[in-house]
Amino acid sequence: MMKPPHSPIDTAVVKEIAELLSSSDLTEIEVEHEGLRIRVVRAPAPVTFAQAAPLAPAVLAAAPVAVAAAEVADLSKHPGVVPSPMVGTAYLSPEPGAAPFIEIGATVKEGQTVLIIEAMKTMNAIPAPRTGTVTRILVGNAQPVEYGEPLLIIE
């Protein structure tokens, strides 16, 4: 009987990556080293109404309209799209209860912070790539986002 070839994947590394994923708000981690790529993905936990905190009327007015997945895919080709530069959790305001960075119809200047993405416990300010008017906000507050996912449209 032949001995199976030794796997180039160190299961301890995979376990460590999975534990990192479990201890963070991330839904996916991909690592590449010396031609070996490891990708660990988990489905986000479903949010029920019992878990959701009540929203103040001002927050409800600022909440973006839900967008169908097919429509978001089409929006990724929009010339004014602002894609996510990383995987993480998007926040529309600097802190809970604070006014959002932007609203639909707001004029933004290039470099102005439009939202933040938390990745690996670090808050990353996402700047407007151009001056213009915000016509669509495609993510909700505290929503997980993937790399390249459309976040908003600036025209």
C-alpha atoms as a PDB file:
ATOM      1  CA  MET A   1       0.000   0.000   0.000  1.00  0.00           C
ATOM      2  CA  MET A   2       1.346   3.422  -0.967  1.00  0.00           C
ATOM      3  CA  LYS A   3       1.562   6.169   1.595  1.00  0.00           C
ATOM      4  CA  PRO A   4      -0.433   9.255   0.500  1.00  0.00           C
ATOM      5  CA  PRO A   5       1.751  12.256  -0.399  1.00  0.00           C
ATOM      6  CA  HIS A   6       2.343  14.780   2.368  1.00  0.00           C
ATOM      7  CA  SER A   7      -0.104  17.675   2.145  1.00  0.00           C
ATOM      8  CA  PRO A   8       1.578  21.086   1.615  1.00  0.00           C
ATOM      9  CA  ILE A   9      -1.141  22.632   3.790  1.00  0.00           C
ATOM     10  CA  ASP A  10      -0.323  23.030   7.455  1.00  0.00           C
ATOM     11  CA  THR A  11      -3.622  22.292   9.218  1.00  0.00           C
ATOM     12  CA  ALA A  12      -2.461  24.296  12.246  1.00  0.00           C
ATOM     13  CA  VAL A  13      -2.245  27.389  10.026  1.00  0.00           C
ATOM     14  CA  VAL A  14      -5.746  26.764   8.659  1.00  0.00           C
ATOM     15  CA  LYS A  15      -7.054  26.335  12.207  1.00  0.00           C
ATOM     16  CA  GLU A  16      -5.358  29.583  13.294  1.00  0.00           C
ATOM     17  CA  ILE A  17      -6.893  31.460  10.343  1.00  0.00           C
ATOM     18  CA  ALA A  18     -10.331  30.006  11.150  1.00  0.00           C
ATOM     19  CA  GLU A  19      -9.977  31.099  14.793  1.00  0.00           C
ATOM     20  CA  LEU A  20      -9.021  34.607  13.646  1.00  0.00           C
ATOM     21  CA  LEU A  21     -12.136  34.660  11.459  1.00  0.00           C
ATOM     22  CA  SER A  22     -14.315  33.488  14.362  1.00  0.00           C
ATOM     23  CA  SER A  23     -12.948  36.135  16.732  1.00  0.00           C
ATOM     24  CA  SER A  24     -13.565  39.017  14.305  1.00  0.00           C
ATOM     25  CA  ASP A  25     -16.462  40.527  12.367  1.00  0.00           C
ATOM     26  CA  LEU A  26     -14.935  39.333   9.101  1.00  0.00           C
ATOM     27  CA  THR A  27     -16.689  36.791   6.896  1.00  0.00           C
ATOM     28  CA  GLU A  28     -13.696  35.809   4.777  1.00  0.00           C
ATOM     29  CA  ILE A  29      -9.908  35.644   5.025  1.00  0.00           C
ATOM     30  CA  GLU A  30      -7.581  34.730   2.181  1.00  0.00           C
ATOM     31  CA  VAL A  31      -3.847  34.205   2.646  1.00  0.00           C
ATOM     32  CA  GLU A  32      -1.288  33.500  -0.060  1.00  0.00           C
ATOM     33  CA  HIS A  33       2.297  32.489   0.636  1.00  0.00           C
ATOM     34  CA  GLU A  34       4.832  30.939  -1.724  1.00  0.00           C
ATOM     35  CA  GLY A  35       2.195  29.963  -4.277  1.00  0.00           C
ATOM     36  CA  LEU A  36      -0.145  28.356  -1.722  1.00  0.00           C
ATOM     37  CA  ARG A  37      -3.467  30.124  -1.244  1.00  0.00           C
ATOM     38  CA  ILE A  38      -5.768  29.425   1.715  1.00  0.00           C
ATOM     39  CA  ARG A  39      -9.256  30.934   1.823  1.00  0.00           C
ATOM     40  CA  VAL A  40     -11.520  30.532   4.840  1.00  0.00           C
ATOM     41  CA  VAL A  41     -15.118  31.750   4.536  1.00  0.00           C
ATOM     42  CA  ARG A  42     -18.043  31.763   6.917  1.00  0.00           C
ATOM     43  CA  ALA A  43     -21.604  32.816   6.346  1.00  0.00           C
ATOM     44  CA  PRO A  44     -22.613  35.865   8.393  1.00  0.00           C
ATOM     45  CA  ALA A  45     -24.951  35.147  11.272  1.00  0.00           C
ATOM     46  CA  PRO A  46     -28.530  36.040  10.407  1.00  0.00           C
ATOM     47  CA  VAL A  47     -29.862  39.115  12.176  1.00  0.00           C
ATOM     48  CA  THR A  48     -33.285  38.736  13.713  1.00  0.00           C
ATOM     49  CA  PHE A  49     -35.574  41.499  14.822  1.00  0.00           C
ATOM     50  CA  ALA A  50     -35.116  40.393  18.424  1.00  0.00           C
ATOM     51  CA  GLN A  51     -31.384  41.165  18.137  1.00  0.00           C
ATOM     52  CA  ALA A  52     -31.760  44.490  16.355  1.00  0.00           C
ATOM     53  CA  ALA A  53     -31.590  47.610  18.495  1.00  0.00           C
ATOM     54  CA  PRO A  54     -34.391  50.161  18.045  1.00  0.00           C
ATOM     55  CA  LEU A  55     -33.426  52.946  15.649  1.00  0.00           C
ATOM     56  CA  ALA A  56     -33.989  56.612  16.294  1.00  0.00           C
ATOM     57  CA  PRO A  57     -36.152  58.412  13.667  1.00  0.00           C
ATOM     58  CA  ALA A  58     -33.095  60.355  12.403  1.00  0.00           C
ATOM     59  CA  VAL A  59     -31.250  57.089  11.783  1.00  0.00           C
ATOM     60  CA  LEU A  60     -34.241  55.611   9.962  1.00  0.00           C
ATOM     61  CA  ALA A  61     -34.338  58.583   7.604  1.00  0.00           C
ATOM     62  CA  ALA A  62     -30.660  58.132   6.805  1.00  0.00           C
ATOM     63  CA  ALA A  63     -30.866  54.370   6.225  1.00  0.00           C
ATOM     64  CA  PRO A  64     -30.214  53.413   2.601  1.00  0.00           C
ATOM     65  CA  VAL A  65     -32.835  51.587   0.589  1.00  0.00           C
ATOM     66  CA  ALA A  66     -32.146  47.878   0.168  1.00  0.00           C
ATOM     67  CA  VAL A  67     -30.812  47.051  -3.279  1.00  0.00           C
ATOM     68  CA  ALA A  68     -31.333  43.715  -5.046  1.00  0.00           C
ATOM     69  CA  ALA A  69     -28.151  41.666  -5.600  1.00  0.00           C
ATOM     70  CA  ALA A  70     -28.496  41.790  -9.404  1.00  0.00           C
ATOM     71  CA  GLU A  71     -28.833  45.562  -9.296  1.00  0.00           C
ATOM     72  CA  VAL A  72     -25.688  45.873  -7.144  1.00  0.00           C
ATOM     73  CA  ALA A  73     -23.788  43.764  -9.685  1.00  0.00           C
ATOM     74  CA  ASP A  74     -24.865  46.148 -12.450  1.00  0.00           C
ATOM     75  CA  LEU A  75     -23.879  49.133 -10.299  1.00  0.00           C
ATOM     76  CA  SER A  76     -20.332  47.804  -9.976  1.00  0.00           C
ATOM     77  CA  LYS A  77     -19.822  48.967 -13.578  1.00  0.00           C
ATOM     78  CA  HIS A  78     -21.284  52.429 -12.932  1.00  0.00           C
ATOM     79  CA  PRO A  79     -18.687  55.176 -13.631  1.00  0.00           C
ATOM     80  CA  GLY A  80     -19.423  56.859 -10.287  1.00  0.00           C
ATOM     81  CA  VAL A  81     -19.209  53.758  -8.109  1.00  0.00           C
ATOM     82  CA  VAL A  82     -17.027  53.794  -4.999  1.00  0.00           C
ATOM     83  CA  PRO A  83     -15.918  50.180  -4.433  1.00  0.00           C
ATOM     84  CA  SER A  84     -14.831  48.753  -1.110  1.00  0.00           C
ATOM     85  CA  PRO A  85     -11.035  48.686  -0.890  1.00  0.00           C
ATOM     86  CA  MET A  86     -11.139  45.861   1.671  1.00  0.00           C
ATOM     87  CA  VAL A  87     -13.167  43.209   3.452  1.00  0.00           C
ATOM     88  CA  GLY A  88     -14.709  44.403   6.702  1.00  0.00           C
ATOM     89  CA  THR A  89     -17.718  46.061   8.296  1.00  0.00           C
ATOM     90  CA  ALA A  90     -18.978  49.361   6.875  1.00  0.00           C
ATOM     91  CA  TYR A  91     -20.136  52.136   9.188  1.00  0.00           C
ATOM     92  CA  LEU A  92     -21.974  55.201   7.901  1.00  0.00           C
ATOM     93  CA  SER A  93     -21.198  57.398  10.927  1.00  0.00           C
ATOM     94  CA  PRO A  94     -18.091  57.987  13.048  1.00  0.00           C
ATOM     95  CA  GLU A  95     -19.708  56.465  16.161  1.00  0.00           C
ATOM     96  CA  PRO A  96     -23.070  55.043  17.253  1.00  0.00           C
ATOM     97  CA  GLY A  97     -25.707  57.756  17.480  1.00  0.00           C
ATOM     98  CA  ALA A  98     -23.653  60.309  15.512  1.00  0.00           C
ATOM     99  CA  ALA A  99     -24.816  61.901  12.270  1.00  0.00           C
ATOM    100  CA  PRO A 100     -23.820  59.951   9.145  1.00  0.00           C
ATOM    101  CA  PHE A 101     -20.782  61.062   7.142  1.00  0.00           C
ATOM    102  CA  ILE A 102     -22.960  61.471   4.020  1.00  0.00           C
ATOM    103  CA  GLU A 103     -26.566  61.376   2.899  1.00  0.00           C
ATOM    104  CA  ILE A 104     -28.150  60.941  -0.509  1.00  0.00           C
ATOM    105  CA  GLY A 105     -28.017  64.287  -2.301  1.00  0.00           C
ATOM    106  CA  ALA A 106     -24.992  65.509  -0.330  1.00  0.00           C
ATOM    107  CA  THR A 107     -22.120  67.140  -2.192  1.00  0.00           C
ATOM    108  CA  VAL A 108     -18.745  65.650  -1.311  1.00  0.00           C
ATOM    109  CA  LYS A 109     -15.224  66.793  -2.082  1.00  0.00           C
ATOM    110  CA  GLU A 110     -12.417  64.520  -3.197  1.00  0.00           C
ATOM    111  CA  GLY A 111     -10.698  63.118  -0.101  1.00  0.00           C
ATOM    112  CA  GLN A 112     -13.668  63.723   2.211  1.00  0.00           C
ATOM    113  CA  THR A 113     -14.492  60.719   4.428  1.00  0.00           C
ATOM    114  CA  VAL A 114     -17.695  59.067   3.148  1.00  0.00           C
ATOM    115  CA  LEU A 115     -17.736  56.077   5.532  1.00  0.00           C
ATOM    116  CA  ILE A 116     -15.441  53.868   7.553  1.00  0.00           C
ATOM    117  CA  ILE A 117     -14.660  50.182   7.240  1.00  0.00           C
ATOM    118  CA  GLU A 118     -13.555  48.235  10.259  1.00  0.00           C
ATOM    119  CA  ALA A 119     -11.098  45.489   9.380  1.00  0.00           C
ATOM    120  CA  MET A 120      -9.017  43.570  11.916  1.00  0.00           C
ATOM    121  CA  LYS A 121     -10.220  45.892  14.722  1.00  0.00           C
ATOM    122  CA  THR A 122      -8.896  48.920  12.801  1.00  0.00           C
ATOM    123  CA  MET A 123     -11.172  51.745  11.628  1.00  0.00           C
ATOM    124  CA  ASN A 124     -10.273  52.760   8.063  1.00  0.00           C
ATOM    125  CA  ALA A 125     -11.629  56.062   6.733  1.00  0.00           C
ATOM    126  CA  ILE A 126     -12.819  55.670   3.146  1.00  0.00           C
ATOM    127  CA  PRO A 127     -12.320  58.926   1.202  1.00  0.00           C
ATOM    128  CA  ALA A 128     -14.391  60.138  -1.734  1.00  0.00           C
ATOM    129  CA  PRO A 129     -12.349  59.423  -4.869  1.00  0.00           C
ATOM    130  CA  ARG A 130     -13.839  62.441  -6.643  1.00  0.00           C
ATOM    131  CA  THR A 131     -15.910  65.561  -6.039  1.00  0.00           C
ATOM    132  CA  GLY A 132     -19.606  65.149  -6.781  1.00  0.00           C
ATOM    133  CA  THR A 133     -23.076  64.416  -5.450  1.00  0.00           C
ATOM    134  CA  VAL A 134     -23.965  61.216  -3.589  1.00  0.00           C
ATOM    135  CA  THR A 135     -26.814  59.661  -5.571  1.00  0.00           C
ATOM    136  CA  ARG A 136     -26.976  56.208  -3.955  1.00  0.00           C
ATOM    137  CA  ILE A 137     -25.763  54.575  -0.756  1.00  0.00           C
ATOM    138  CA  LEU A 138     -25.595  50.841  -1.388  1.00  0.00           C
ATOM    139  CA  VAL A 139     -24.655  49.528   2.071  1.00  0.00           C
ATOM    140  CA  GLY A 140     -26.318  49.690   5.447  1.00  0.00           C
ATOM    141  CA  ASN A 141     -24.724  50.687   8.713  1.00  0.00           C
ATOM    142  CA  ALA A 142     -22.685  47.866  10.334  1.00  0.00           C
ATOM    143  CA  GLN A 143     -23.036  45.780   7.168  1.00  0.00           C
ATOM    144  CA  PRO A 144     -20.257  43.334   6.209  1.00  0.00           C
ATOM    145  CA  VAL A 145     -18.658  44.255   2.872  1.00  0.00           C
ATOM    146  CA  GLU A 146     -16.367  42.394   0.514  1.00  0.00           C
ATOM    147  CA  TYR A 147     -13.410  43.683  -1.475  1.00  0.00           C
ATOM    148  CA  GLY A 148     -14.651  45.466  -4.627  1.00  0.00           C
ATOM    149  CA  GLU A 149     -18.282  45.566  -3.469  1.00  0.00           C
ATOM    150  CA  PRO A 150     -20.045  48.793  -4.539  1.00  0.00           C
ATOM    151  CA  LEU A 151     -20.504  51.059  -1.496  1.00  0.00           C
ATOM    152  CA  LEU A 152     -22.028  54.196  -2.994  1.00  0.00           C
ATOM    153  CA  ILE A 153     -22.402  56.207  -6.184  1.00  0.00           C
ATOM    154  CA  ILE A 154     -20.957  59.714  -6.572  1.00  0.00           C
ATOM    155  CA  GLU A 155     -21.935  61.523  -9.751  1.00  0.00           C
END
